Amino acid sequence: MAEENKLREVVVIGSKLKDAVKALGCQSSGDLVEAVSEKVHDMIVDAVERAKQNGRATVRPYDL
């Protein structure tokens, strides 16, 4: 259970995300950082699975 909680910690930098949204002319809601982080977690899980299916322990950019 502790590993799952660790896995789902926020992995994006909120201020950088908000700056990027602002630079594109929009505002960001308070829960945007968590939502983007969840998407990133999903991408990481999929990439790890792909690497393992290919017999690798190293996740590479093309696994995304």
PDB file of N, CA and C in Angstrom:
ATOM      1  N   MET A   1       0.824  -1.193   0.000  1.00  0.00           N
ATOM      2  CA  MET A   1       0.000   0.000   0.000  1.00  0.00           C
ATOM      3  C   MET A   1       0.867   1.256   0.000  1.00  0.00           C
ATOM      4  N   ALA A   2       1.942   1.258   0.764  1.00  0.00           N
ATOM      5  CA  ALA A   2       2.825   2.421   0.815  1.00  0.00           C
ATOM      6  C   ALA A   2       3.448   2.682  -0.550  1.00  0.00           C
ATOM      7  N   GLU A   3       3.771   1.602  -1.289  1.00  0.00           N
ATOM      8  CA  GLU A   3       4.343   1.767  -2.619  1.00  0.00           C
ATOM      9  C   GLU A   3       3.351   2.427  -3.561  1.00  0.00           C
ATOM     10  N   GLU A   4       2.077   2.024  -3.488  1.00  0.00           N
ATOM     11  CA  GLU A   4       1.049   2.625  -4.338  1.00  0.00           C
ATOM     12  C   GLU A   4       0.896   4.105  -4.017  1.00  0.00           C
ATOM     13  N   ASN A   5       0.912   4.468  -2.744  1.00  0.00           N
ATOM     14  CA  ASN A   5       0.821   5.877  -2.365  1.00  0.00           C
ATOM     15  C   ASN A   5       2.022   6.650  -2.879  1.00  0.00           C
ATOM     16  N   LYS A   6       3.202   6.064  -2.791  1.00  0.00           N
ATOM     17  CA  LYS A   6       4.420   6.703  -3.285  1.00  0.00           C
ATOM     18  C   LYS A   6       4.328   6.885  -4.796  1.00  0.00           C
ATOM     19  N   LEU A   7       3.809   5.864  -5.482  1.00  0.00           N
ATOM     20  CA  LEU A   7       3.693   5.921  -6.935  1.00  0.00           C
ATOM     21  C   LEU A   7       2.790   7.062  -7.377  1.00  0.00           C
ATOM     22  N   ARG A   8       1.761   7.355  -6.615  1.00  0.00           N
ATOM     23  CA  ARG A   8       0.782   8.359  -7.018  1.00  0.00           C
ATOM     24  C   ARG A   8       1.048   9.751  -6.447  1.00  0.00           C
ATOM     25  N   GLU A   9       2.243   9.996  -5.955  1.00  0.00           N
ATOM     26  CA  GLU A   9       2.589  11.356  -5.541  1.00  0.00           C
ATOM     27  C   GLU A   9       2.638  12.250  -6.775  1.00  0.00           C
ATOM     28  N   VAL A  10       2.454  13.536  -6.582  1.00  0.00           N
ATOM     29  CA  VAL A  10       2.508  14.483  -7.692  1.00  0.00           C
ATOM     30  C   VAL A  10       3.920  14.487  -8.267  1.00  0.00           C
ATOM     31  N   VAL A  11       4.018  14.305  -9.582  1.00  0.00           N
ATOM     32  CA  VAL A  11       5.329  14.210 -10.225  1.00  0.00           C
ATOM     33  C   VAL A  11       5.591  15.348 -11.214  1.00  0.00           C
ATOM     34  N   VAL A  12       4.688  16.318 -11.241  1.00  0.00           N
ATOM     35  CA  VAL A  12       4.907  17.475 -12.111  1.00  0.00           C
ATOM     36  C   VAL A  12       5.139  18.707 -11.240  1.00  0.00           C
ATOM     37  N   ILE A  13       5.832  19.672 -11.784  1.00  0.00           N
ATOM     38  CA  ILE A  13       6.099  20.909 -11.053  1.00  0.00           C
ATOM     39  C   ILE A  13       4.938  21.860 -11.328  1.00  0.00           C
ATOM     40  N   GLY A  14       4.152  22.085 -10.287  1.00  0.00           N
ATOM     41  CA  GLY A  14       2.941  22.885 -10.427  1.00  0.00           C
ATOM     42  C   GLY A  14       3.174  24.267 -10.987  1.00  0.00           C
ATOM     43  N   SER A  15       4.189  24.951 -10.496  1.00  0.00           N
ATOM     44  CA  SER A  15       4.435  26.324 -10.956  1.00  0.00           C
ATOM     45  C   SER A  15       4.817  26.348 -12.436  1.00  0.00           C
ATOM     46  N   LYS A  16       5.572  25.358 -12.878  1.00  0.00           N
ATOM     47  CA  LYS A  16       5.971  25.299 -14.293  1.00  0.00           C
ATOM     48  C   LYS A  16       4.767  25.007 -15.179  1.00  0.00           C
ATOM     49  N   LEU A  17       3.905  24.098 -14.721  1.00  0.00           N
ATOM     50  CA  LEU A  17       2.695  23.778 -15.467  1.00  0.00           C
ATOM     51  C   LEU A  17       1.798  25.007 -15.585  1.00  0.00           C
ATOM     52  N   LYS A  18       1.603  25.693 -14.469  1.00  0.00           N
ATOM     53  CA  LYS A  18       0.760  26.888 -14.474  1.00  0.00           C
ATOM     54  C   LYS A  18       1.360  27.986 -15.346  1.00  0.00           C
ATOM     55  N   ASP A  19       2.687  28.124 -15.321  1.00  0.00           N
ATOM     56  CA  ASP A  19       3.355  29.111 -16.178  1.00  0.00           C
ATOM     57  C   ASP A  19       3.136  28.782 -17.653  1.00  0.00           C
ATOM     58  N   ALA A  20       3.204  27.500 -18.001  1.00  0.00           N
ATOM     59  CA  ALA A  20       3.011  27.085 -19.394  1.00  0.00           C
ATOM     60  C   ALA A  20       1.594  27.385 -19.856  1.00  0.00           C
ATOM     61  N   VAL A  21       0.619  27.103 -19.010  1.00  0.00           N
ATOM     62  CA  VAL A  21      -0.777  27.388 -19.351  1.00  0.00           C
ATOM     63  C   VAL A  21      -0.980  28.895 -19.506  1.00  0.00           C
ATOM     64  N   LYS A  22      -0.417  29.655 -18.589  1.00  0.00           N
ATOM     65  CA  LYS A  22      -0.547  31.118 -18.631  1.00  0.00           C
ATOM     66  C   LYS A  22       0.100  31.687 -19.891  1.00  0.00           C
ATOM     67  N   ALA A  23       1.261  31.139 -20.273  1.00  0.00           N
ATOM     68  CA  ALA A  23       1.964  31.609 -21.467  1.00  0.00           C
ATOM     69  C   ALA A  23       1.140  31.372 -22.732  1.00  0.00           C
ATOM     70  N   LEU A  24       0.237  30.412 -22.669  1.00  0.00           N
ATOM     71  CA  LEU A  24      -0.630  30.122 -23.811  1.00  0.00           C
ATOM     72  C   LEU A  24      -1.951  30.887 -23.735  1.00  0.00           C
ATOM     73  N   GLY A  25      -2.061  31.779 -22.750  1.00  0.00           N
ATOM     74  CA  GLY A  25      -3.197  32.675 -22.680  1.00  0.00           C
ATOM     75  C   GLY A  25      -4.394  32.191 -21.887  1.00  0.00           C
ATOM     76  N   CYS A  26      -4.200  31.184 -21.044  1.00  0.00           N
ATOM     77  CA  CYS A  26      -5.311  30.672 -20.236  1.00  0.00           C
ATOM     78  C   CYS A  26      -4.937  30.658 -18.764  1.00  0.00           C
ATOM     79  N   GLN A  27      -5.944  30.415 -17.952  1.00  0.00           N
ATOM     80  CA  GLN A  27      -5.729  30.234 -16.523  1.00  0.00           C
ATOM     81  C   GLN A  27      -5.858  28.749 -16.209  1.00  0.00           C
ATOM     82  N   SER A  28      -5.312  28.326 -15.077  1.00  0.00           N
ATOM     83  CA  SER A  28      -5.395  26.915 -14.688  1.00  0.00           C
ATOM     84  C   SER A  28      -6.211  26.776 -13.411  1.00  0.00           C
ATOM     85  N   SER A  29      -6.995  25.719 -13.355  1.00  0.00           N
ATOM     86  CA  SER A  29      -7.793  25.466 -12.158  1.00  0.00           C
ATOM     87  C   SER A  29      -6.909  24.849 -11.081  1.00  0.00           C
ATOM     88  N   GLY A  30      -7.394  24.855  -9.869  1.00  0.00           N
ATOM     89  CA  GLY A  30      -6.618  24.355  -8.741  1.00  0.00           C
ATOM     90  C   GLY A  30      -6.285  22.882  -8.814  1.00  0.00           C
ATOM     91  N   ASP A  31      -7.113  22.098  -9.499  1.00  0.00           N
ATOM     92  CA  ASP A  31      -6.875  20.656  -9.553  1.00  0.00           C
ATOM     93  C   ASP A  31      -6.184  20.208 -10.839  1.00  0.00           C
ATOM     94  N   LEU A  32      -5.723  21.154 -11.653  1.00  0.00           N
ATOM     95  CA  LEU A  32      -5.050  20.803 -12.904  1.00  0.00           C
ATOM     96  C   LEU A  32      -3.762  20.026 -12.660  1.00  0.00           C
ATOM     97  N   VAL A  33      -2.975  20.444 -11.686  1.00  0.00           N
ATOM     98  CA  VAL A  33      -1.688  19.789 -11.417  1.00  0.00           C
ATOM     99  C   VAL A  33      -1.902  18.315 -11.092  1.00  0.00           C
ATOM    100  N   GLU A  34      -2.869  18.010 -10.242  1.00  0.00           N
ATOM    101  CA  GLU A  34      -3.144  16.613  -9.897  1.00  0.00           C
ATOM    102  C   GLU A  34      -3.614  15.825 -11.110  1.00  0.00           C
ATOM    103  N   ALA A  35      -4.448  16.427 -11.951  1.00  0.00           N
ATOM    104  CA  ALA A  35      -4.958  15.735 -13.134  1.00  0.00           C
ATOM    105  C   ALA A  35      -3.830  15.423 -14.117  1.00  0.00           C
ATOM    106  N   VAL A  36      -2.947  16.388 -14.340  1.00  0.00           N
ATOM    107  CA  VAL A  36      -1.813  16.161 -15.241  1.00  0.00           C
ATOM    108  C   VAL A  36      -0.888  15.103 -14.655  1.00  0.00           C
ATOM    109  N   SER A  37      -0.670  15.150 -13.360  1.00  0.00           N
ATOM    110  CA  SER A  37       0.177  14.167 -12.698  1.00  0.00           C
ATOM    111  C   SER A  37      -0.392  12.757 -12.867  1.00  0.00           C
ATOM    112  N   GLU A  38      -1.707  12.612 -12.753  1.00  0.00           N
ATOM    113  CA  GLU A  38      -2.346  11.303 -12.944  1.00  0.00           C
ATOM    114  C   GLU A  38      -2.117  10.792 -14.361  1.00  0.00           C
ATOM    115  N   LYS A  39      -2.222  11.681 -15.351  1.00  0.00           N
ATOM    116  CA  LYS A  39      -1.962  11.299 -16.746  1.00  0.00           C
ATOM    117  C   LYS A  39      -0.512  10.836 -16.903  1.00  0.00           C
ATOM    118  N   VAL A  40       0.409  11.558 -16.277  1.00  0.00           N
ATOM    119  CA  VAL A  40       1.827  11.191 -16.348  1.00  0.00           C
ATOM    120  C   VAL A  40       2.049   9.828 -15.699  1.00  0.00           C
ATOM    121  N   HIS A  41       1.406   9.586 -14.553  1.00  0.00           N
ATOM    122  CA  HIS A  41       1.519   8.275 -13.910  1.00  0.00           C
ATOM    123  C   HIS A  41       1.050   7.170 -14.845  1.00  0.00           C
ATOM    124  N   ASP A  42      -0.070   7.386 -15.517  1.00  0.00           N
ATOM    125  CA  ASP A  42      -0.581   6.386 -16.457  1.00  0.00           C
ATOM    126  C   ASP A  42       0.428   6.126 -17.569  1.00  0.00           C
ATOM    127  N   MET A  43       1.053   7.189 -18.065  1.00  0.00           N
ATOM    128  CA  MET A  43       2.065   7.038 -19.110  1.00  0.00           C
ATOM    129  C   MET A  43       3.262   6.244 -18.597  1.00  0.00           C
ATOM    130  N   ILE A  44       3.672   6.507 -17.368  1.00  0.00           N
ATOM    131  CA  ILE A  44       4.811   5.804 -16.777  1.00  0.00           C
ATOM    132  C   ILE A  44       4.506   4.319 -16.628  1.00  0.00           C
ATOM    133  N   VAL A  45       3.328   4.003 -16.104  1.00  0.00           N
ATOM    134  CA  VAL A  45       2.943   2.599 -15.920  1.00  0.00           C
ATOM    135  C   VAL A  45       2.939   1.876 -17.265  1.00  0.00           C
ATOM    136  N   ASP A  46       2.367   2.499 -18.298  1.00  0.00           N
ATOM    137  CA  ASP A  46       2.337   1.891 -19.629  1.00  0.00           C
ATOM    138  C   ASP A  46       3.747   1.707 -20.189  1.00  0.00           C
ATOM    139  N   ALA A  47       4.609   2.695 -19.987  1.00  0.00           N
ATOM    140  CA  ALA A  47       5.977   2.615 -20.498  1.00  0.00           C
ATOM    141  C   ALA A  47       6.768   1.519 -19.792  1.00  0.00           C
ATOM    142  N   VAL A  48       6.592   1.383 -18.485  1.00  0.00           N
ATOM    143  CA  VAL A  48       7.276   0.324 -17.737  1.00  0.00           C
ATOM    144  C   VAL A  48       6.808  -1.040 -18.225  1.00  0.00           C
ATOM    145  N   GLU A  49       5.511  -1.183 -18.427  1.00  0.00           N
ATOM    146  CA  GLU A  49       4.972  -2.453 -18.917  1.00  0.00           C
ATOM    147  C   GLU A  49       5.547  -2.796 -20.290  1.00  0.00           C
ATOM    148  N   ARG A  50       5.643  -1.812 -21.166  1.00  0.00           N
ATOM    149  CA  ARG A  50       6.189  -2.040 -22.504  1.00  0.00           C
ATOM    150  C   ARG A  50       7.662  -2.454 -22.429  1.00  0.00           C
ATOM    151  N   ALA A  51       8.425  -1.777 -21.584  1.00  0.00           N
ATOM    152  CA  ALA A  51       9.840  -2.123 -21.434  1.00  0.00           C
ATOM    153  C   ALA A  51       9.989  -3.556 -20.938  1.00  0.00           C
ATOM    154  N   LYS A  52       9.193  -3.936 -19.942  1.00  0.00           N
ATOM    155  CA  LYS A  52       9.259  -5.297 -19.404  1.00  0.00           C
ATOM    156  C   LYS A  52       8.866  -6.325 -20.454  1.00  0.00           C
ATOM    157  N   GLN A  53       7.853  -6.021 -21.263  1.00  0.00           N
ATOM    158  CA  GLN A  53       7.430  -6.939 -22.317  1.00  0.00           C
ATOM    159  C   GLN A  53       8.531  -7.144 -23.347  1.00  0.00           C
ATOM    160  N   ASN A  54       9.393  -6.155 -23.475  1.00  0.00           N
ATOM    161  CA  ASN A  54      10.511  -6.251 -24.405  1.00  0.00           C
ATOM    162  C   ASN A  54      11.786  -6.743 -23.729  1.00  0.00           C
ATOM    163  N   GLY A  55      11.657  -7.263 -22.514  1.00  0.00           N
ATOM    164  CA  GLY A  55      12.790  -7.849 -21.813  1.00  0.00           C
ATOM    165  C   GLY A  55      13.798  -6.844 -21.292  1.00  0.00           C
ATOM    166  N   ARG A  56      13.361  -5.615 -21.066  1.00  0.00           N
ATOM    167  CA  ARG A  56      14.266  -4.582 -20.583  1.00  0.00           C
ATOM    168  C   ARG A  56      13.850  -4.103 -19.207  1.00  0.00           C
ATOM    169  N   ALA A  57      14.830  -3.664 -18.437  1.00  0.00           N
ATOM    170  CA  ALA A  57      14.562  -3.056 -17.136  1.00  0.00           C
ATOM    171  C   ALA A  57      14.743  -1.541 -17.212  1.00  0.00           C
ATOM    172  N   THR A  58      15.070  -1.054 -18.400  1.00  0.00           N
ATOM    173  CA  THR A  58      15.267   0.373 -18.611  1.00  0.00           C
ATOM    174  C   THR A  58      14.132   0.916 -19.467  1.00  0.00           C
ATOM    175  N   VAL A  59      13.453   1.931 -18.962  1.00  0.00           N
ATOM    176  CA  VAL A  59      12.392   2.581 -19.725  1.00  0.00           C
ATOM    177  C   VAL A  59      13.037   3.639 -20.601  1.00  0.00           C
ATOM    178  N   ARG A  60      12.697   3.599 -21.876  1.00  0.00           N
ATOM    179  CA  ARG A  60      13.281   4.527 -22.842  1.00  0.00           C
ATOM    180  C   ARG A  60      12.191   5.433 -23.408  1.00  0.00           C
ATOM    181  N   PRO A  61      12.582   6.553 -24.003  1.00  0.00           N
ATOM    182  CA  PRO A  61      11.574   7.488 -24.515  1.00  0.00           C
ATOM    183  C   PRO A  61      10.562   6.854 -25.467  1.00  0.00           C
ATOM    184  N   TYR A  62      11.010   5.920 -26.291  1.00  0.00           N
ATOM    185  CA  TYR A  62      10.075   5.321 -27.243  1.00  0.00           C
ATOM    186  C   TYR A  62       9.090   4.360 -26.585  1.00  0.00           C
ATOM    187  N   ASP A  63       9.262   4.061 -25.302  1.00  0.00           N
ATOM    188  CA  ASP A  63       8.268   3.267 -24.578  1.00  0.00           C
ATOM    189  C   ASP A  63       7.019   4.098 -24.296  1.00  0.00           C
ATOM    190  N   LEU A  64       7.153   5.405 -24.378  1.00  0.00           N
ATOM    191  CA  LEU A  64       6.006   6.287 -24.166  1.00  0.00           C
ATOM    192  C   LEU A  64       5.104   6.265 -25.375  1.00  0.00           C
TER     193      LEU A  64
END
